[in-house]
All heavy atoms as atom14 arrays in JSON, in Angstrom:
{
  "sequence": "LDVAIPTLDGLDVLRQLRHRSDVPVIMLTARTSQRDRIA",
  "atom14_mask": [
    [1, 1, 1, 1, 1, 1, 1, 1, 0, 0, 0, 0, 0, 0],
    [1, 1, 1, 1, 1, 1, 1, 1, 0, 0, 0, 0, 0, 0],
    [1, 1, 1, 1, 1, 1, 1, 0, 0, 0, 0, 0, 0, 0],
    [1, 1, 1, 1, 1, 0, 0, 0, 0, 0, 0, 0, 0, 0],
    [1, 1, 1, 1, 1, 1, 1, 1, 0, 0, 0, 0, 0, 0],
    [1, 1, 1, 1, 1, 1, 1, 0, 0, 0, 0, 0, 0, 0],
    [1, 1, 1, 1, 1, 1, 1, 0, 0, 0, 0, 0, 0, 0],
    [1, 1, 1, 1, 1, 1, 1, 1, 0, 0, 0, 0, 0, 0],
    [1, 1, 1, 1, 1, 1, 1, 1, 0, 0, 0, 0, 0, 0],
    [1, 1, 1, 1, 0, 0, 0, 0, 0, 0, 0, 0, 0, 0],
    [1, 1, 1, 1, 1, 1, 1, 1, 0, 0, 0, 0, 0, 0],
    [1, 1, 1, 1, 1, 1, 1, 1, 0, 0, 0, 0, 0, 0],
    [1, 1, 1, 1, 1, 1, 1, 0, 0, 0, 0, 0, 0, 0],
    [1, 1, 1, 1, 1, 1, 1, 1, 0, 0, 0, 0, 0, 0],
    [1, 1, 1, 1, 1, 1, 1, 1, 1, 1, 1, 0, 0, 0],
    [1, 1, 1, 1, 1, 1, 1, 1, 1, 0, 0, 0, 0, 0],
    [1, 1, 1, 1, 1, 1, 1, 1, 0, 0, 0, 0, 0, 0],
    [1, 1, 1, 1, 1, 1, 1, 1, 1, 1, 1, 0, 0, 0],
    [1, 1, 1, 1, 1, 1, 1, 1, 1, 1, 0, 0, 0, 0],
    [1, 1, 1, 1, 1, 1, 1, 1, 1, 1, 1, 0, 0, 0],
    [1, 1, 1, 1, 1, 1, 0, 0, 0, 0, 0, 0, 0, 0],
    [1, 1, 1, 1, 1, 1, 1, 1, 0, 0, 0, 0, 0, 0],
    [1, 1, 1, 1, 1, 1, 1, 0, 0, 0, 0, 0, 0, 0],
    [1, 1, 1, 1, 1, 1, 1, 0, 0, 0, 0, 0, 0, 0],
    [1, 1, 1, 1, 1, 1, 1, 0, 0, 0, 0, 0, 0, 0],
    [1, 1, 1, 1, 1, 1, 1, 1, 0, 0, 0, 0, 0, 0],
    [1, 1, 1, 1, 1, 1, 1, 1, 0, 0, 0, 0, 0, 0],
    [1, 1, 1, 1, 1, 1, 1, 1, 0, 0, 0, 0, 0, 0],
    [1, 1, 1, 1, 1, 1, 1, 0, 0, 0, 0, 0, 0, 0],
    [1, 1, 1, 1, 1, 0, 0, 0, 0, 0, 0, 0, 0, 0],
    [1, 1, 1, 1, 1, 1, 1, 1, 1, 1, 1, 0, 0, 0],
    [1, 1, 1, 1, 1, 1, 1, 0, 0, 0, 0, 0, 0, 0],
    [1, 1, 1, 1, 1, 1, 0, 0, 0, 0, 0, 0, 0, 0],
    [1, 1, 1, 1, 1, 1, 1, 1, 1, 0, 0, 0, 0, 0],
    [1, 1, 1, 1, 1, 1, 1, 1, 1, 1, 1, 0, 0, 0],
    [1, 1, 1, 1, 1, 1, 1, 1, 0, 0, 0, 0, 0, 0],
    [1, 1, 1, 1, 1, 1, 1, 1, 1, 1, 1, 0, 0, 0],
    [1, 1, 1, 1, 1, 1, 1, 1, 0, 0, 0, 0, 0, 0],
    [1, 1, 1, 1, 1, 0, 0, 0, 0, 0, 0, 0, 0, 0]
  ],
  "atom14_positions": [
    [[15.62, -7.21, 5.65], [16.82, -6.44, 5.39], [16.63, -4.99, 5.83], [15.6, -4.39, 5.57], [17.12, -6.48, 3.88], [18.32, -5.75, 3.35], [19.62, -6.33, 3.92], [18.35, -5.84, 1.83], [0.0, 0.0, 0.0], [0.0, 0.0, 0.0], [0.0, 0.0, 0.0], [0.0, 0.0, 0.0], [0.0, 0.0, 0.0], [0.0, 0.0, 0.0]],
    [[17.64, -4.46, 6.5], [17.65, -3.05, 6.88], [18.42, -2.26, 5.83], [19.33, -2.77, 5.21], [18.32, -2.89, 8.24], [18.04, -1.57, 8.91], [17.7, -0.59, 8.2], [18.15, -1.5, 10.14], [0.0, 0.0, 0.0], [0.0, 0.0, 0.0], [0.0, 0.0, 0.0], [0.0, 0.0, 0.0], [0.0, 0.0, 0.0], [0.0, 0.0, 0.0]],
    [[18.04, -1.02, 5.62], [18.76, -0.17, 4.68], [20.12, 0.22, 5.27], [21.12, 0.23, 4.57], [17.94, 1.09, 4.33], [18.75, 2.05, 3.49], [16.66, 0.72, 3.62], [0.0, 0.0, 0.0], [0.0, 0.0, 0.0], [0.0, 0.0, 0.0], [0.0, 0.0, 0.0], [0.0, 0.0, 0.0], [0.0, 0.0, 0.0], [0.0, 0.0, 0.0]],
    [[20.14, 0.52, 6.55], [21.37, 0.98, 7.21], [22.1, -0.21, 7.83], [21.83, -0.61, 8.96], [21.03, 2.0, 8.27], [0.0, 0.0, 0.0], [0.0, 0.0, 0.0], [0.0, 0.0, 0.0], [0.0, 0.0, 0.0], [0.0, 0.0, 0.0], [0.0, 0.0, 0.0], [0.0, 0.0, 0.0], [0.0, 0.0, 0.0], [0.0, 0.0, 0.0]],
    [[23.03, -0.78, 7.07], [23.85, -1.87, 7.59], [25.3, -1.41, 7.57], [25.66, -0.49, 6.82], [23.63, -3.17, 6.81], [23.81, -3.0, 5.31], [22.26, -3.74, 7.09], [23.64, -4.25, 4.51], [0.0, 0.0, 0.0], [0.0, 0.0, 0.0], [0.0, 0.0, 0.0], [0.0, 0.0, 0.0], [0.0, 0.0, 0.0], [0.0, 0.0, 0.0]],
    [[26.17, -2.02, 8.39], [27.5, -1.46, 8.63], [28.4, -1.22, 7.41], [28.96, -0.15, 7.28], [28.15, -2.47, 9.58], [27.01, -3.13, 10.25], [25.9, -3.16, 9.25], [0.0, 0.0, 0.0], [0.0, 0.0, 0.0], [0.0, 0.0, 0.0], [0.0, 0.0, 0.0], [0.0, 0.0, 0.0], [0.0, 0.0, 0.0], [0.0, 0.0, 0.0]],
    [[28.54, -2.17, 6.52], [29.54, -2.01, 5.47], [29.01, -1.66, 4.09], [29.72, -1.09, 3.29], [30.4, -3.28, 5.36], [29.54, -4.39, 5.1], [31.17, -3.53, 6.63], [0.0, 0.0, 0.0], [0.0, 0.0, 0.0], [0.0, 0.0, 0.0], [0.0, 0.0, 0.0], [0.0, 0.0, 0.0], [0.0, 0.0, 0.0], [0.0, 0.0, 0.0]],
    [[27.79, -2.02, 3.82], [27.17, -1.72, 2.51], [25.84, -1.04, 2.75], [25.22, -1.2, 3.79], [26.9, -3.0, 1.73], [28.08, -3.78, 1.18], [27.59, -5.1, 0.61], [28.76, -2.99, 0.08], [0.0, 0.0, 0.0], [0.0, 0.0, 0.0], [0.0, 0.0, 0.0], [0.0, 0.0, 0.0], [0.0, 0.0, 0.0], [0.0, 0.0, 0.0]],
    [[25.37, -0.33, 1.77], [24.02, 0.21, 1.8], [23.05, -0.94, 1.55], [23.25, -1.75, 0.65], [23.89, 1.29, 0.72], [22.52, 1.9, 0.71], [22.3, 2.87, 1.44], [21.66, 1.39, -0.03], [0.0, 0.0, 0.0], [0.0, 0.0, 0.0], [0.0, 0.0, 0.0], [0.0, 0.0, 0.0], [0.0, 0.0, 0.0], [0.0, 0.0, 0.0]],
    [[22.01, -1.02, 2.35], [21.05, -2.1, 2.22], [20.4, -2.18, 0.84], [20.08, -3.26, 0.36], [0.0, 0.0, 0.0], [0.0, 0.0, 0.0], [0.0, 0.0, 0.0], [0.0, 0.0, 0.0], [0.0, 0.0, 0.0], [0.0, 0.0, 0.0], [0.0, 0.0, 0.0], [0.0, 0.0, 0.0], [0.0, 0.0, 0.0], [0.0, 0.0, 0.0]],
    [[20.23, -1.02, 0.2], [19.65, -1.03, -1.14], [20.61, -1.66, -2.15], [20.2, -2.35, -3.07], [19.27, 0.38, -1.57], [18.14, 1.03, -0.76], [17.89, 2.45, -1.24], [16.88, 0.21, -0.79], [0.0, 0.0, 0.0], [0.0, 0.0, 0.0], [0.0, 0.0, 0.0], [0.0, 0.0, 0.0], [0.0, 0.0, 0.0], [0.0, 0.0, 0.0]],
    [[21.92, -1.44, -1.95], [22.91, -2.09, -2.81], [22.89, -3.61, -2.59], [22.98, -4.38, -3.55], [24.32, -1.56, -2.55], [24.49, -0.13, -3.0], [23.77, 0.29, -3.94], [25.34, 0.58, -2.43], [0.0, 0.0, 0.0], [0.0, 0.0, 0.0], [0.0, 0.0, 0.0], [0.0, 0.0, 0.0], [0.0, 0.0, 0.0], [0.0, 0.0, 0.0]],
    [[22.77, -4.02, -1.34], [22.66, -5.45, -1.05], [21.43, -6.03, -1.72], [21.48, -7.08, -2.34], [22.61, -5.69, 0.48], [22.27, -7.14, 0.81], [23.92, -5.28, 1.13], [0.0, 0.0, 0.0], [0.0, 0.0, 0.0], [0.0, 0.0, 0.0], [0.0, 0.0, 0.0], [0.0, 0.0, 0.0], [0.0, 0.0, 0.0], [0.0, 0.0, 0.0]],
    [[20.32, -5.32, -1.63], [19.07, -5.77, -2.25], [19.23, -5.92, -3.76], [18.81, -6.91, -4.35], [17.94, -4.81, -1.91], [16.58, -5.1, -2.53], [16.07, -6.48, -2.13], [15.59, -4.02, -2.14], [0.0, 0.0, 0.0], [0.0, 0.0, 0.0], [0.0, 0.0, 0.0], [0.0, 0.0, 0.0], [0.0, 0.0, 0.0], [0.0, 0.0, 0.0]],
    [[19.86, -4.94, -4.39], [20.05, -5.01, -5.84], [20.92, -6.2, -6.22], [20.62, -6.91, -7.2], [20.67, -3.71, -6.36], [19.7, -2.56, -6.35], [20.34, -1.31, -6.96], [19.62, -0.14, -6.51], [20.05, 0.72, -5.57], [21.21, 0.56, -5.0], [19.31, 1.75, -5.23], [0.0, 0.0, 0.0], [0.0, 0.0, 0.0], [0.0, 0.0, 0.0]],
    [[21.98, -6.45, -5.47], [22.84, -7.61, -5.74], [22.07, -8.91, -5.54], [22.2, -9.85, -6.32], [24.07, -7.58, -4.84], [25.03, -6.47, -5.17], [26.23, -6.5, -4.25], [26.79, -7.54, -3.99], [26.62, -5.32, -3.77], [0.0, 0.0, 0.0], [0.0, 0.0, 0.0], [0.0, 0.0, 0.0], [0.0, 0.0, 0.0], [0.0, 0.0, 0.0]],
    [[21.27, -8.94, -4.51], [20.46, -10.12, -4.23], [19.48, -10.38, -5.37], [19.29, -11.52, -5.8], [19.72, -9.93, -2.91], [18.89, -11.09, -2.39], [19.75, -12.31, -2.14], [18.17, -10.67, -1.12], [0.0, 0.0, 0.0], [0.0, 0.0, 0.0], [0.0, 0.0, 0.0], [0.0, 0.0, 0.0], [0.0, 0.0, 0.0], [0.0, 0.0, 0.0]],
    [[18.86, -9.33, -5.88], [17.87, -9.48, -6.94], [18.48, -10.0, -8.25], [17.79, -10.61, -9.05], [17.16, -8.15, -7.22], [16.09, -7.86, -6.23], [14.97, -8.89, -6.38], [14.02, -8.82, -5.29], [13.81, -9.77, -4.41], [14.45, -10.91, -4.49], [12.92, -9.62, -3.47], [0.0, 0.0, 0.0], [0.0, 0.0, 0.0], [0.0, 0.0, 0.0]],
    [[19.77, -9.78, -8.45], [20.42, -10.31, -9.66], [20.52, -11.82, -9.62], [20.64, -12.45, -10.68], [21.82, -9.71, -9.83], [21.81, -8.3, -10.31], [21.38, -7.95, -11.58], [22.14, -7.14, -9.7], [21.46, -6.64, -11.71], [21.92, -6.14, -10.59], [0.0, 0.0, 0.0], [0.0, 0.0, 0.0], [0.0, 0.0, 0.0], [0.0, 0.0, 0.0]],
    [[20.46, -12.4, -8.42], [20.69, -13.84, -8.3], [19.56, -14.6, -7.62], [19.61, -15.84, -7.56], [21.97, -14.08, -7.53], [23.18, -13.54, -8.28], [24.46, -13.69, -7.54], [24.79, -15.08, -7.23], [25.88, -15.43, -6.58], [26.73, -14.51, -6.17], [26.12, -16.69, -6.32], [0.0, 0.0, 0.0], [0.0, 0.0, 0.0], [0.0, 0.0, 0.0]],
    [[18.57, -13.92, -7.09], [17.53, -14.61, -6.34], [16.2, -13.87, -6.42], [16.16, -12.66, -6.57], [17.98, -14.69, -4.86], [16.96, -15.25, -4.07], [0.0, 0.0, 0.0], [0.0, 0.0, 0.0], [0.0, 0.0, 0.0], [0.0, 0.0, 0.0], [0.0, 0.0, 0.0], [0.0, 0.0, 0.0], [0.0, 0.0, 0.0], [0.0, 0.0, 0.0]],
    [[15.14, -14.64, -6.28], [13.82, -14.02, -6.22], [13.16, -14.25, -4.85], [11.95, -14.14, -4.71], [12.93, -14.54, -7.35], [12.69, -16.05, -7.28], [13.3, -16.72, -6.43], [11.88, -16.54, -8.07], [0.0, 0.0, 0.0], [0.0, 0.0, 0.0], [0.0, 0.0, 0.0], [0.0, 0.0, 0.0], [0.0, 0.0, 0.0], [0.0, 0.0, 0.0]],
    [[13.98, -14.55, -3.84], [13.46, -14.73, -2.49], [12.75, -13.44, -2.06], [13.22, -12.34, -2.35], [14.61, -15.11, -1.5], [15.62, -14.0, -1.38], [14.04, -15.45, -0.13], [0.0, 0.0, 0.0], [0.0, 0.0, 0.0], [0.0, 0.0, 0.0], [0.0, 0.0, 0.0], [0.0, 0.0, 0.0], [0.0, 0.0, 0.0], [0.0, 0.0, 0.0]],
    [[11.61, -13.56, -1.39], [10.92, -12.34, -0.92], [11.79, -11.58, 0.09], [12.46, -12.18, 0.93], [9.66, -12.9, -0.24], [9.45, -14.25, -0.84], [10.83, -14.76, -1.14], [0.0, 0.0, 0.0], [0.0, 0.0, 0.0], [0.0, 0.0, 0.0], [0.0, 0.0, 0.0], [0.0, 0.0, 0.0], [0.0, 0.0, 0.0], [0.0, 0.0, 0.0]],
    [[11.76, -10.25, -0.04], [12.54, -9.39, 0.86], [11.63, -8.31, 1.42], [10.94, -7.61, 0.68], [13.71, -8.72, 0.1], [14.44, -7.74, 1.02], [14.67, -9.76, -0.44], [0.0, 0.0, 0.0], [0.0, 0.0, 0.0], [0.0, 0.0, 0.0], [0.0, 0.0, 0.0], [0.0, 0.0, 0.0], [0.0, 0.0, 0.0], [0.0, 0.0, 0.0]],
    [[11.63, -8.2, 2.75], [10.96, -7.09, 3.44], [12.04, -6.17, 3.96], [12.94, -6.6, 4.67], [10.09, -7.59, 4.61], [8.93, -8.47, 4.11], [9.54, -6.39, 5.39], [8.08, -9.05, 5.22], [0.0, 0.0, 0.0], [0.0, 0.0, 0.0], [0.0, 0.0, 0.0], [0.0, 0.0, 0.0], [0.0, 0.0, 0.0], [0.0, 0.0, 0.0]],
    [[11.96, -4.91, 3.58], [12.86, -3.91, 4.14], [12.27, -3.47, 5.47], [11.1, -3.08, 5.53], [12.98, -2.7, 3.21], [13.51, -2.98, 1.82], [15.16, -3.68, 1.76], [16.14, -2.32, 2.35], [0.0, 0.0, 0.0], [0.0, 0.0, 0.0], [0.0, 0.0, 0.0], [0.0, 0.0, 0.0], [0.0, 0.0, 0.0], [0.0, 0.0, 0.0]],
    [[13.07, -3.55, 6.52], [12.64, -3.15, 7.86], [13.64, -2.1, 8.32], [14.78, -2.42, 8.64], [12.66, -4.36, 8.79], [12.18, -4.14, 10.21], [10.72, -3.71, 10.23], [12.35, -5.42, 11.02], [0.0, 0.0, 0.0], [0.0, 0.0, 0.0], [0.0, 0.0, 0.0], [0.0, 0.0, 0.0], [0.0, 0.0, 0.0], [0.0, 0.0, 0.0]],
    [[13.24, -0.83, 8.3], [14.23, 0.23, 8.44], [13.67, 1.49, 9.1], [12.47, 1.72, 9.08], [14.81, 0.57, 7.06], [15.8, 1.58, 7.19], [13.75, 0.99, 6.08], [0.0, 0.0, 0.0], [0.0, 0.0, 0.0], [0.0, 0.0, 0.0], [0.0, 0.0, 0.0], [0.0, 0.0, 0.0], [0.0, 0.0, 0.0], [0.0, 0.0, 0.0]],
    [[14.59, 2.27, 9.65], [14.21, 3.56, 10.26], [14.05, 4.66, 9.23], [13.55, 5.73, 9.54], [15.26, 3.96, 11.3], [0.0, 0.0, 0.0], [0.0, 0.0, 0.0], [0.0, 0.0, 0.0], [0.0, 0.0, 0.0], [0.0, 0.0, 0.0], [0.0, 0.0, 0.0], [0.0, 0.0, 0.0], [0.0, 0.0, 0.0], [0.0, 0.0, 0.0]],
    [[14.47, 4.41, 8.01], [14.31, 5.42, 6.95], [12.87, 5.36, 6.46], [12.45, 4.4, 5.82], [15.28, 5.16, 5.82], [16.71, 5.33, 6.26], [17.65, 5.21, 5.11], [19.03, 5.27, 5.57], [20.07, 5.01, 4.81], [19.9, 4.67, 3.54], [21.28, 5.07, 5.3], [0.0, 0.0, 0.0], [0.0, 0.0, 0.0], [0.0, 0.0, 0.0]],
    [[12.13, 6.41, 6.77], [10.68, 6.35, 6.58], [10.12, 7.35, 5.58], [8.92, 7.4, 5.39], [9.98, 6.59, 7.93], [10.34, 7.88, 8.43], [10.37, 5.53, 8.94], [0.0, 0.0, 0.0], [0.0, 0.0, 0.0], [0.0, 0.0, 0.0], [0.0, 0.0, 0.0], [0.0, 0.0, 0.0], [0.0, 0.0, 0.0], [0.0, 0.0, 0.0]],
    [[10.97, 8.11, 4.92], [10.43, 9.1, 3.97], [9.82, 8.38, 2.77], [10.16, 7.23, 2.47], [11.52, 10.06, 3.5], [12.38, 9.42, 2.58], [0.0, 0.0, 0.0], [0.0, 0.0, 0.0], [0.0, 0.0, 0.0], [0.0, 0.0, 0.0], [0.0, 0.0, 0.0], [0.0, 0.0, 0.0], [0.0, 0.0, 0.0], [0.0, 0.0, 0.0]],
    [[8.94, 9.06, 2.09], [8.32, 8.49, 0.9], [9.38, 8.15, -0.14], [9.33, 7.1, -0.78], [7.3, 9.47, 0.32], [6.58, 8.92, -0.9], [5.57, 9.91, -1.45], [5.57, 11.09, -1.11], [4.69, 9.42, -2.3], [0.0, 0.0, 0.0], [0.0, 0.0, 0.0], [0.0, 0.0, 0.0], [0.0, 0.0, 0.0], [0.0, 0.0, 0.0]],
    [[10.39, 9.0, -0.27], [11.46, 8.76, -1.22], [12.23, 7.47, -0.88], [12.57, 6.69, -1.77], [12.42, 9.95, -1.24], [13.53, 9.84, -2.26], [14.39, 11.03, -2.27], [15.03, 11.15, -0.96], [15.89, 12.08, -0.63], [16.2, 13.0, -1.49], [16.43, 12.1, 0.57], [0.0, 0.0, 0.0], [0.0, 0.0, 0.0], [0.0, 0.0, 0.0]],
    [[12.49, 7.24, 0.42], [13.17, 6.02, 0.84], [12.32, 4.78, 0.55], [12.84, 3.76, 0.08], [13.5, 6.07, 2.34], [14.58, 7.08, 2.67], [15.51, 7.26, 1.84], [14.5, 7.68, 3.75], [0.0, 0.0, 0.0], [0.0, 0.0, 0.0], [0.0, 0.0, 0.0], [0.0, 0.0, 0.0], [0.0, 0.0, 0.0], [0.0, 0.0, 0.0]],
    [[11.04, 4.86, 0.83], [10.14, 3.71, 0.57], [10.09, 3.4, -0.91], [10.16, 2.24, -1.33], [8.74, 4.01, 1.13], [8.69, 4.02, 2.64], [7.28, 4.05, 3.2], [6.43, 5.08, 2.62], [6.29, 6.3, 3.11], [6.94, 6.67, 4.19], [5.48, 7.17, 2.53], [0.0, 0.0, 0.0], [0.0, 0.0, 0.0], [0.0, 0.0, 0.0]],
    [[9.97, 4.41, -1.74], [9.94, 4.21, -3.18], [11.26, 3.6, -3.66], [11.26, 2.66, -4.46], [9.64, 5.53, -3.92], [8.2, 5.95, -3.65], [9.91, 5.4, -5.41], [7.85, 7.35, -4.1], [0.0, 0.0, 0.0], [0.0, 0.0, 0.0], [0.0, 0.0, 0.0], [0.0, 0.0, 0.0], [0.0, 0.0, 0.0], [0.0, 0.0, 0.0]],
    [[12.39, 4.1, -3.15], [13.69, 3.56, -3.55], [13.8, 2.07, -3.17], [14.31, 1.27, -3.94], [14.82, 4.35, -2.9], [0.0, 0.0, 0.0], [0.0, 0.0, 0.0], [0.0, 0.0, 0.0], [0.0, 0.0, 0.0], [0.0, 0.0, 0.0], [0.0, 0.0, 0.0], [0.0, 0.0, 0.0], [0.0, 0.0, 0.0], [0.0, 0.0, 0.0]]
  ]
}
């Protein structure tokens, strides 16, 4: 999953996914700050 997706924030998508699934997720993104990684 990328953080920067067209209609939703990738982190919001991840949070929604986590409410219903425990599938492993790797964030693959251009946002590289420590704050972004922690988020």
